[in-house]
């Protein structure tokens, strides 16, 4: 079968600049929205799942297996657990156990105006001890020092610091703690450092001023969008006597040993759950949010797609005489259809490729806030492939119906057509 040359299709896309702009613009919008939706869904899923560490077990309050924020356990639980369960990881005699308090609280920069009405910006605030860095290896204190107890000091994640605009202002120290897990408490770490103070940023947590003493790097996980305080300070701030969770890292022990401890201490009302399993369940909980993001992008993309389809339909319908002439010259209907599909694909590609470049420049590394924290978008191969597939599908779907309609007309009638 004789096919039309590819340059014939490429030359025809410039015959009507307006139609080219409409079709390419529709394709660009579709591709950009598909890439945005796929990147957002994957960032949320990846960030939540990566927050769990293999080998970690969480002790939550009974009945709070699905939400660490609602969990309440006795503040004495970590000490009892450390004395009762053998086989936990340890360093220098210190067990890898982290008592934590998780509370979403309004947080803003101190020099920002107070929000009006109910427009409060909630951020996950985590009360911890230095042992948190032992059980959460994703987190690393990259800048500054640990906060001192009772001094209204805090750490912030890198993504949160970027959003607040304080990533480049912090207290520098001659002694920066590269491995905070070696400290047994916050005060010990801070007292060993000779501070050379530069203007330190201040944030308001629940309208209480806190000085930011350092930045935590935890790329791709929820911690990157959190604020960390000494757990005793957060207990005072929230007027609580109970903590949310005790996270432990196991060595020779397994989760069955921790479950046995919880079962033997009904007075503590505990539930043991594998940390990756907890975050996997949380990812399922956020699945409706992911579906909502995808559906919203799809609806807007369909609107742009319909505009592109109308432009293609008008472009092909006005070329009945040309299509009939190609058949008179000996080209089969299949060859004409193939050529028009090529033309449609090239037209959509002229908008899809720039849209992909714009998506990479604007979206890659962009922080998106969810209730779990801040997750960075990543325009990876899957996102690019999804965008390209959507663009190609638009070109294919948009070209076939008008082409078949033009081919249904008999050749003599089409040659007499006065459409140009």
Protein backbone atom coordinates (compact mmCIF):
# COMPACT_ATOMS: atom_id res chain seq x y z
CA UNK A 1 0.00 0.00 0.00
CA UNK A 2 1.32 3.43 -0.97
CA UNK A 3 1.51 5.91 1.92
CA UNK A 4 1.74 9.68 1.75
CA UNK A 5 5.12 11.09 2.81
CA UNK A 6 5.46 12.31 6.38
CA UNK A 7 6.49 15.80 5.29
CA UNK A 8 3.06 16.22 3.67
CA UNK A 9 1.42 15.89 7.09
CA UNK A 10 4.03 18.13 8.73
CA UNK A 11 3.53 20.83 6.08
CA UNK A 12 -0.25 20.82 6.47
CA UNK A 13 -0.22 21.68 10.18
CA UNK A 14 0.81 25.24 9.33
CA UNK A 15 -2.02 25.86 6.88
CA UNK A 16 -4.19 27.46 9.59
CA UNK A 17 -2.24 29.06 12.44
CA UNK A 18 -5.42 29.62 14.47
CA UNK A 19 -6.47 25.99 14.29
CA UNK A 20 -2.91 24.92 15.05
CA UNK A 21 -2.90 27.15 18.15
CA UNK A 22 -6.28 25.80 19.34
CA UNK A 23 -5.37 22.17 18.81
CA UNK A 24 -1.83 22.42 20.17
CA UNK A 25 -3.07 24.54 23.09
CA UNK A 26 -5.72 21.95 23.97
CA UNK A 27 -3.10 19.20 23.82
CA UNK A 28 -0.73 21.22 26.00
CA UNK A 29 -3.39 21.78 28.68
CA UNK A 30 -4.32 18.09 28.69
CA UNK A 31 -0.70 16.98 28.99
CA UNK A 32 0.12 19.50 31.74
CA UNK A 33 -2.94 18.55 33.80
CA UNK A 34 -2.29 14.82 33.45
CA UNK A 35 1.34 15.26 34.52
CA UNK A 36 0.26 17.42 37.48
CA UNK A 37 -2.36 14.91 38.61
CA UNK A 38 -0.05 11.89 38.30
CA UNK A 39 2.79 13.72 40.10
CA UNK A 40 0.47 14.77 42.95
CA UNK A 41 -1.02 11.30 43.41
CA UNK A 42 2.40 9.63 43.34
CA UNK A 43 3.91 12.22 45.71
CA UNK A 44 1.18 11.66 48.30
CA UNK A 45 1.40 7.88 48.07
CA UNK A 46 5.20 7.82 48.01
CA UNK A 47 5.55 10.29 50.87
CA UNK A 48 3.16 8.48 53.18
CA UNK A 49 4.57 5.02 52.52
CA UNK A 50 8.19 6.21 52.84
CA UNK A 51 7.43 7.61 56.30
CA UNK A 52 7.39 4.09 57.74
CA UNK A 53 10.70 2.39 58.58
CA UNK A 54 11.08 -1.37 58.23
CA UNK A 55 11.79 -2.88 61.66
CA UNK A 56 9.94 -0.16 63.57
CA UNK A 57 6.92 -0.88 65.74
CA UNK A 58 4.47 1.72 67.03
CA UNK A 59 2.70 1.39 70.37
CA UNK A 60 -0.59 3.28 70.14
CA UNK A 61 -3.58 3.62 72.39
CA UNK A 62 -6.10 0.81 71.95
CA UNK A 63 -8.72 1.81 69.38
CA UNK A 64 -6.44 4.42 67.71
CA UNK A 65 -4.76 2.12 65.21
CA UNK A 66 -5.74 4.38 62.28
CA UNK A 67 -4.72 7.76 63.69
CA UNK A 68 -1.67 8.56 65.77
CA UNK A 69 -3.10 12.04 66.41
CA UNK A 70 -6.06 10.56 68.31
CA UNK A 71 -3.91 8.10 70.25
CA UNK A 72 -3.17 8.60 73.94
CA UNK A 73 -0.84 6.45 76.02
CA UNK A 74 0.78 6.94 79.39
CA UNK A 75 4.02 8.90 79.41
CA UNK A 76 5.55 6.08 81.49
CA UNK A 77 4.98 3.52 78.71
CA UNK A 78 8.38 3.96 76.95
CA UNK A 79 10.27 3.30 80.19
CA UNK A 80 8.18 0.24 81.03
CA UNK A 81 8.59 -1.02 77.47
CA UNK A 82 12.37 -0.61 77.53
CA UNK A 83 12.58 -2.62 80.74
CA UNK A 84 10.20 -5.35 79.58
CA UNK A 85 11.05 -6.14 75.95
CA UNK A 86 14.43 -7.58 75.08
CA UNK A 87 15.90 -7.47 71.59
CA UNK A 88 15.48 -3.79 70.76
CA UNK A 89 18.24 -1.93 68.94
CA UNK A 90 20.53 0.02 71.24
CA UNK A 91 23.50 2.34 71.04
CA UNK A 92 25.82 2.81 74.01
CA UNK A 93 23.22 1.25 76.27
CA UNK A 94 20.45 3.58 75.06
CA UNK A 95 17.51 1.72 73.53
CA UNK A 96 16.08 2.86 70.21
CA UNK A 97 12.75 3.99 71.63
CA UNK A 98 11.13 7.33 70.88
CA UNK A 99 8.24 8.72 72.93
CA UNK A 100 6.34 11.14 70.72
CA UNK A 101 3.39 13.50 70.83
CA UNK A 102 1.71 14.33 67.49
CA UNK A 103 -0.55 17.40 67.42
CA UNK A 104 -1.70 19.51 64.45
CA UNK A 105 -1.39 23.15 65.50
CA UNK A 106 -1.59 26.54 63.77
CA UNK A 107 1.90 27.65 62.78
CA UNK A 108 3.14 30.75 61.00
CA UNK A 109 6.15 33.00 60.86
CA UNK A 110 6.27 35.52 63.68
CA UNK A 111 6.35 38.51 61.33
CA UNK A 112 3.31 37.33 59.38
CA UNK A 113 -0.10 38.86 60.17
CA UNK A 114 -2.53 36.73 62.11
CA UNK A 115 -5.06 34.94 59.88
CA UNK A 116 -8.62 36.14 59.96
CA UNK A 117 -11.63 33.94 60.61
CA UNK A 118 -11.03 30.20 60.34
CA UNK A 119 -8.13 30.48 57.90
CA UNK A 120 -5.62 28.89 60.28
CA UNK A 121 -2.61 27.18 58.77
CA UNK A 122 -2.31 23.86 60.62
CA UNK A 123 1.03 22.04 60.68
CA UNK A 124 1.90 18.72 62.28
CA UNK A 125 3.93 19.50 65.41
CA UNK A 126 5.78 16.54 66.91
CA UNK A 127 7.09 16.46 70.46
CA UNK A 128 10.19 14.27 70.57
CA UNK A 129 13.40 13.40 72.37
CA UNK A 130 16.79 13.08 70.62
CA UNK A 131 16.13 9.34 70.30
CA UNK A 132 13.66 10.23 67.54
CA UNK A 133 16.63 10.53 65.18
CA UNK A 134 17.58 6.94 66.01
CA UNK A 135 14.20 5.41 65.11
CA UNK A 136 13.58 7.74 62.15
CA UNK A 137 16.70 7.40 59.97
CA UNK A 138 15.02 9.42 57.20
CA UNK A 139 15.44 12.53 59.37
CA UNK A 140 18.81 14.26 59.63
CA UNK A 141 19.64 17.49 61.45
CA UNK A 142 21.48 19.22 58.62
CA UNK A 143 21.63 22.78 59.95
CA UNK A 144 21.84 24.24 63.45
CA UNK A 145 21.42 22.46 66.76
CA UNK A 146 18.84 20.69 68.86
CA UNK A 147 16.51 22.92 70.90
CA UNK A 148 16.90 23.28 74.63
CA UNK A 149 14.12 22.22 76.97
CA UNK A 150 12.12 25.14 78.38
CA UNK A 151 13.66 27.71 76.03
CA UNK A 152 10.77 27.84 73.50
CA UNK A 153 12.94 26.47 70.69
CA UNK A 154 12.01 24.23 67.78
CA UNK A 155 13.27 22.42 64.69
CA UNK A 156 11.50 22.61 61.34
CA UNK A 157 11.58 20.35 58.32
CA UNK A 158 13.21 21.59 55.14
CA UNK A 159 9.94 21.81 53.18
CA UNK A 160 8.25 23.70 56.00
CA UNK A 161 11.24 26.05 56.27
CA UNK A 162 11.08 26.74 52.54
CA UNK A 163 7.36 27.46 52.71
CA UNK A 164 7.85 29.82 55.65
CA UNK A 165 10.80 31.49 53.94
CA UNK A 166 13.27 30.79 56.77
CA UNK A 167 15.44 28.15 55.11
CA UNK A 168 18.39 30.54 54.79
CA UNK A 169 18.16 32.14 58.25
CA UNK A 170 19.05 30.13 61.31
CA UNK A 171 21.30 30.07 64.37
CA UNK A 172 24.77 28.89 63.35
CA UNK A 173 26.93 27.08 65.88
CA UNK A 174 30.63 26.28 66.03
CA UNK A 175 29.49 22.80 67.07
CA UNK A 176 26.76 21.44 64.81
CA UNK A 177 25.33 18.10 65.86
CA UNK A 178 25.85 15.75 62.94
CA UNK A 179 24.44 12.80 64.86
CA UNK A 180 21.89 13.95 67.46
CA UNK A 181 21.21 10.36 68.51
CA UNK A 182 24.40 10.43 70.58
CA UNK A 183 22.80 12.90 72.98
CA UNK A 184 20.65 11.55 75.79
CA UNK A 185 18.54 14.70 76.12
CA UNK A 186 18.09 18.04 74.44
CA UNK A 187 19.80 20.03 77.16
CA UNK A 188 22.96 17.92 76.98
CA UNK A 189 23.31 18.55 73.26
CA UNK A 190 22.71 22.26 73.49
CA UNK A 191 24.99 22.94 76.44
CA UNK A 192 27.96 21.40 74.65
CA UNK A 193 27.75 23.84 71.77
CA UNK A 194 29.36 27.26 71.63
CA UNK A 195 26.74 29.31 69.84
CA UNK A 196 27.67 32.11 67.49
CA UNK A 197 24.28 33.76 67.23
CA UNK A 198 23.03 35.32 64.05
CA UNK A 199 19.46 36.60 63.82
CA UNK A 200 17.37 33.49 64.39
CA UNK A 201 13.94 33.21 62.83
CA UNK A 202 10.91 33.00 65.05
CA UNK A 203 7.69 31.12 64.43
CA UNK A 204 4.39 31.17 66.25
CA UNK A 205 2.99 27.78 67.24
CA UNK A 206 -0.54 28.21 68.54
CA UNK A 207 0.36 31.92 68.85
CA UNK A 208 3.31 31.12 71.16
CA UNK A 209 6.71 32.34 69.84
CA UNK A 210 9.42 29.73 69.26
CA UNK A 211 12.96 30.25 68.01
CA UNK A 212 14.03 27.97 65.17
CA UNK A 213 17.40 26.45 66.08
CA UNK A 214 17.82 24.04 63.18
CA UNK A 215 16.45 22.45 60.04
CA UNK A 216 15.69 18.77 59.51
CA UNK A 217 16.26 17.18 56.12
CA UNK A 218 13.84 14.31 55.46
CA UNK A 219 13.18 14.48 51.72
CA UNK A 220 10.10 12.74 50.46
CA UNK A 221 8.55 11.90 53.85
CA UNK A 222 6.04 13.59 56.14
CA UNK A 223 8.73 14.72 58.62
CA UNK A 224 10.02 17.22 56.04
CA UNK A 225 6.89 19.31 56.59
CA UNK A 226 6.74 19.08 60.37
CA UNK A 227 7.97 21.09 63.35
CA UNK A 228 9.73 19.24 66.20
CA UNK A 229 9.78 20.41 69.83
CA UNK A 230 11.10 18.85 73.02
CA UNK A 231 8.24 16.61 74.08
CA UNK A 232 8.05 18.17 77.55
CA UNK A 233 7.56 21.62 76.00
CA UNK A 234 4.78 20.36 73.73
CA UNK A 235 3.08 18.65 76.69
CA UNK A 236 3.05 21.99 78.51
CA UNK A 237 1.85 23.83 75.39
CA UNK A 238 -1.04 21.43 74.80
CA UNK A 239 -1.77 20.95 78.52
CA UNK A 240 -1.57 17.17 78.15
CA UNK A 241 -0.17 14.48 80.41
CA UNK A 242 -0.30 11.65 77.89
CA UNK A 243 1.78 11.10 74.75
CA UNK A 244 0.64 9.82 71.37
CA UNK A 245 2.95 6.94 70.56
CA UNK A 246 6.12 5.11 71.46
CA UNK A 247 8.15 4.08 68.39
CA UNK A 248 10.78 1.38 68.81
CA UNK A 249 13.34 -0.20 66.47
CA UNK A 250 13.68 -3.96 66.81
CA UNK A 251 16.86 -6.02 66.51
CA UNK A 252 16.54 -9.66 67.59
CA UNK A 253 12.96 -9.21 68.82
CA UNK A 254 9.93 -9.17 66.55
CA UNK A 255 6.51 -7.56 66.62
CA UNK A 256 5.11 -10.64 68.36
CA UNK A 257 7.21 -9.81 71.43
CA UNK A 258 5.79 -6.29 71.52
CA UNK A 259 2.25 -7.60 71.04
CA UNK A 260 2.83 -9.99 73.94
CA UNK A 261 3.93 -7.06 76.12
CA UNK A 262 0.79 -5.11 75.17
CA UNK A 263 -1.41 -8.12 75.92
CA UNK A 264 0.23 -8.66 79.32
CA UNK A 265 -0.32 -5.03 80.32
CA UNK A 266 -4.05 -4.40 79.86
CA UNK A 267 -3.79 -1.52 82.31
CA UNK A 268 -1.79 0.43 79.70
CA UNK A 269 -4.40 -0.14 76.94
CA UNK A 270 -1.87 -0.50 74.13
CA UNK A 271 -1.91 -1.74 70.56
CA UNK A 272 1.26 -2.69 68.69
CA UNK A 273 1.38 -2.11 64.95
CA UNK A 274 4.16 -2.40 62.40
CA UNK A 275 5.13 1.13 61.30
CA UNK A 276 5.18 0.41 57.52
CA UNK A 277 1.79 -1.29 57.90
CA UNK A 278 0.42 1.78 59.70
CA UNK A 279 1.50 4.11 56.91
CA UNK A 280 0.28 1.68 54.24
CA UNK A 281 -3.14 1.83 55.89
CA UNK A 282 -2.88 5.60 55.98
CA UNK A 283 -2.15 5.61 52.24
CA UNK A 284 -5.39 3.67 51.70
CA UNK A 285 -7.21 6.22 53.85
CA UNK A 286 -5.99 8.99 51.54
CA UNK A 287 -6.94 7.05 48.39
CA UNK A 288 -10.20 9.07 47.98
CA UNK A 289 -8.10 12.24 47.99
CA UNK A 290 -5.92 10.80 45.25
CA UNK A 291 -9.00 9.83 43.25
CA UNK A 292 -10.44 13.33 43.72
CA UNK A 293 -7.21 14.88 42.41
CA UNK A 294 -7.23 12.60 39.37
CA UNK A 295 -10.94 13.15 38.63
CA UNK A 296 -10.63 16.94 38.96
CA UNK A 297 -7.71 16.98 36.55
CA UNK A 298 -9.58 14.64 34.19
CA UNK A 299 -12.67 16.87 34.09
CA UNK A 300 -10.63 19.97 33.23
CA UNK A 301 -8.57 17.96 30.74
CA UNK A 302 -11.75 16.72 29.04
CA UNK A 303 -12.86 20.32 28.58
CA UNK A 304 -9.56 21.17 26.93
CA UNK A 305 -9.74 17.95 24.92
CA UNK A 306 -13.19 18.83 23.56
CA UNK A 307 -11.87 22.18 22.40
CA UNK A 308 -9.03 20.44 20.61
CA UNK A 309 -11.42 17.89 19.06
CA UNK A 310 -13.64 20.65 17.72
CA UNK A 311 -10.65 22.35 16.13
CA UNK A 312 -9.52 19.07 14.52
CA UNK A 313 -13.03 18.32 13.33
CA UNK A 314 -13.31 21.73 11.68
CA UNK A 315 -9.86 21.40 10.13
CA UNK A 316 -10.56 17.99 8.57
CA UNK A 317 -14.15 18.73 7.54
CA UNK A 318 -12.97 21.65 5.40
CA UNK A 319 -10.62 19.39 3.45
CA UNK A 320 -13.13 17.09 1.76
CA UNK A 321 -11.98 18.12 -1.73
CA UNK A 322 -8.33 17.52 -0.83
CA UNK A 323 -9.08 14.09 0.60
CA UNK A 324 -11.07 13.14 -2.50
CA UNK A 325 -8.25 14.35 -4.76
CA UNK A 326 -5.75 12.19 -2.89
CA UNK A 327 -7.92 9.17 -3.60
CA UNK A 328 -8.14 10.11 -7.28
CA UNK A 329 -4.34 10.24 -7.39
CA UNK A 330 -4.25 6.61 -6.27
CA UNK A 331 -3.88 6.79 -2.50
CA UNK A 332 -6.08 4.34 -0.64
CA UNK A 333 -8.46 5.36 2.11
CA UNK A 334 -6.22 3.64 4.65
CA UNK A 335 -3.26 5.74 3.44
CA UNK A 336 -5.31 8.94 3.78
CA UNK A 337 -6.45 7.98 7.27
CA UNK A 338 -2.85 7.21 8.29
CA UNK A 339 -1.68 10.57 6.96
CA UNK A 340 -4.37 12.53 8.79
CA UNK A 341 -3.61 10.67 12.03
CA UNK A 342 0.08 11.57 11.56
CA UNK A 343 -0.90 15.20 11.06
CA UNK A 344 -3.05 15.15 14.19
CA UNK A 345 -0.26 13.55 16.23
CA UNK A 346 2.27 16.13 15.07
CA UNK A 347 -0.17 18.95 15.87
CA UNK A 348 -0.78 17.69 19.39
CA UNK A 349 2.96 17.05 19.89
CA UNK A 350 3.72 20.71 19.16
CA UNK A 351 1.79 21.53 22.31
CA UNK A 352 2.61 18.42 24.34
CA UNK A 353 6.39 18.72 24.27
CA UNK A 354 6.49 22.35 25.51
CA UNK A 355 3.89 21.40 28.13
CA UNK A 356 6.17 18.63 29.42
CA UNK A 357 9.10 21.04 29.65
CA UNK A 358 6.97 23.57 31.52
CA UNK A 359 5.74 20.85 33.89
CA UNK A 360 9.31 19.82 34.69
CA UNK A 361 10.36 23.42 35.32
CA UNK A 362 7.32 24.40 37.40
CA UNK A 363 6.34 21.19 39.19
CA UNK A 364 9.50 19.19 39.82
CA UNK A 365 10.49 19.75 43.45
CA UNK A 366 7.39 21.84 44.20
CA UNK A 367 6.08 21.32 47.73
CA UNK A 368 2.40 20.43 48.02
CA UNK A 369 0.65 20.53 51.39
CA UNK A 370 -1.53 17.73 52.65
CA UNK A 371 -2.85 17.13 56.13
CA UNK A 372 0.07 14.71 56.67
CA UNK A 373 2.63 17.40 55.88
CA UNK A 374 4.37 18.70 52.79
CA UNK A 375 5.39 16.40 49.97
CA UNK A 376 7.60 17.31 47.04
CA UNK A 377 6.33 16.65 43.54
CA UNK A 378 8.62 14.66 41.30
CA UNK A 379 8.10 14.70 37.54
CA UNK A 380 9.58 11.28 36.87
CA UNK A 381 9.41 8.90 33.91
CA UNK A 382 5.94 7.68 34.89
CA UNK A 383 4.57 11.24 34.89
CA UNK A 384 6.17 12.04 31.52
CA UNK A 385 4.91 8.77 30.02
CA UNK A 386 1.39 9.46 31.29
CA UNK A 387 1.41 12.95 29.79
CA UNK A 388 2.70 11.73 26.45
CA UNK A 389 0.13 8.92 26.40
CA UNK A 390 -2.67 11.41 27.07
CA UNK A 391 -1.42 13.65 24.25
CA UNK A 392 -1.15 10.78 21.79
CA UNK A 393 -4.60 9.54 22.78
CA UNK A 394 -5.99 13.02 22.14
CA UNK A 395 -4.38 13.08 18.69
CA UNK A 396 -5.72 9.63 17.85
CA UNK A 397 -9.25 10.11 19.15
CA UNK A 398 -9.50 13.57 17.65
CA UNK A 399 -8.47 12.57 14.13
CA UNK A 400 -10.34 9.33 13.49
CA UNK A 401 -14.03 10.46 13.68
CA UNK A 402 -13.75 13.52 11.35
CA UNK A 403 -11.55 11.57 8.94
CA UNK A 404 -14.05 8.72 8.65
CA UNK A 405 -16.86 11.21 8.12
CA UNK A 406 -14.96 12.84 5.26
CA UNK A 407 -14.24 9.47 3.67
CA UNK A 408 -17.92 8.48 3.72
CA UNK A 409 -18.69 11.10 1.07
CA UNK A 410 -18.49 9.87 -2.53
CA UNK A 411 -15.55 11.20 -4.52
CA UNK A 412 -17.50 13.12 -7.24
CA UNK A 413 -19.52 15.02 -4.65
CA UNK A 414 -16.43 15.79 -2.60
CA UNK A 415 -14.57 17.10 -5.68
CA UNK A 416 -17.46 19.50 -6.40
CA UNK A 417 -17.36 20.79 -2.85
CA UNK A 418 -16.64 24.51 -2.59
CA UNK A 419 -15.05 24.10 0.85
CA UNK A 420 -11.38 24.98 0.90
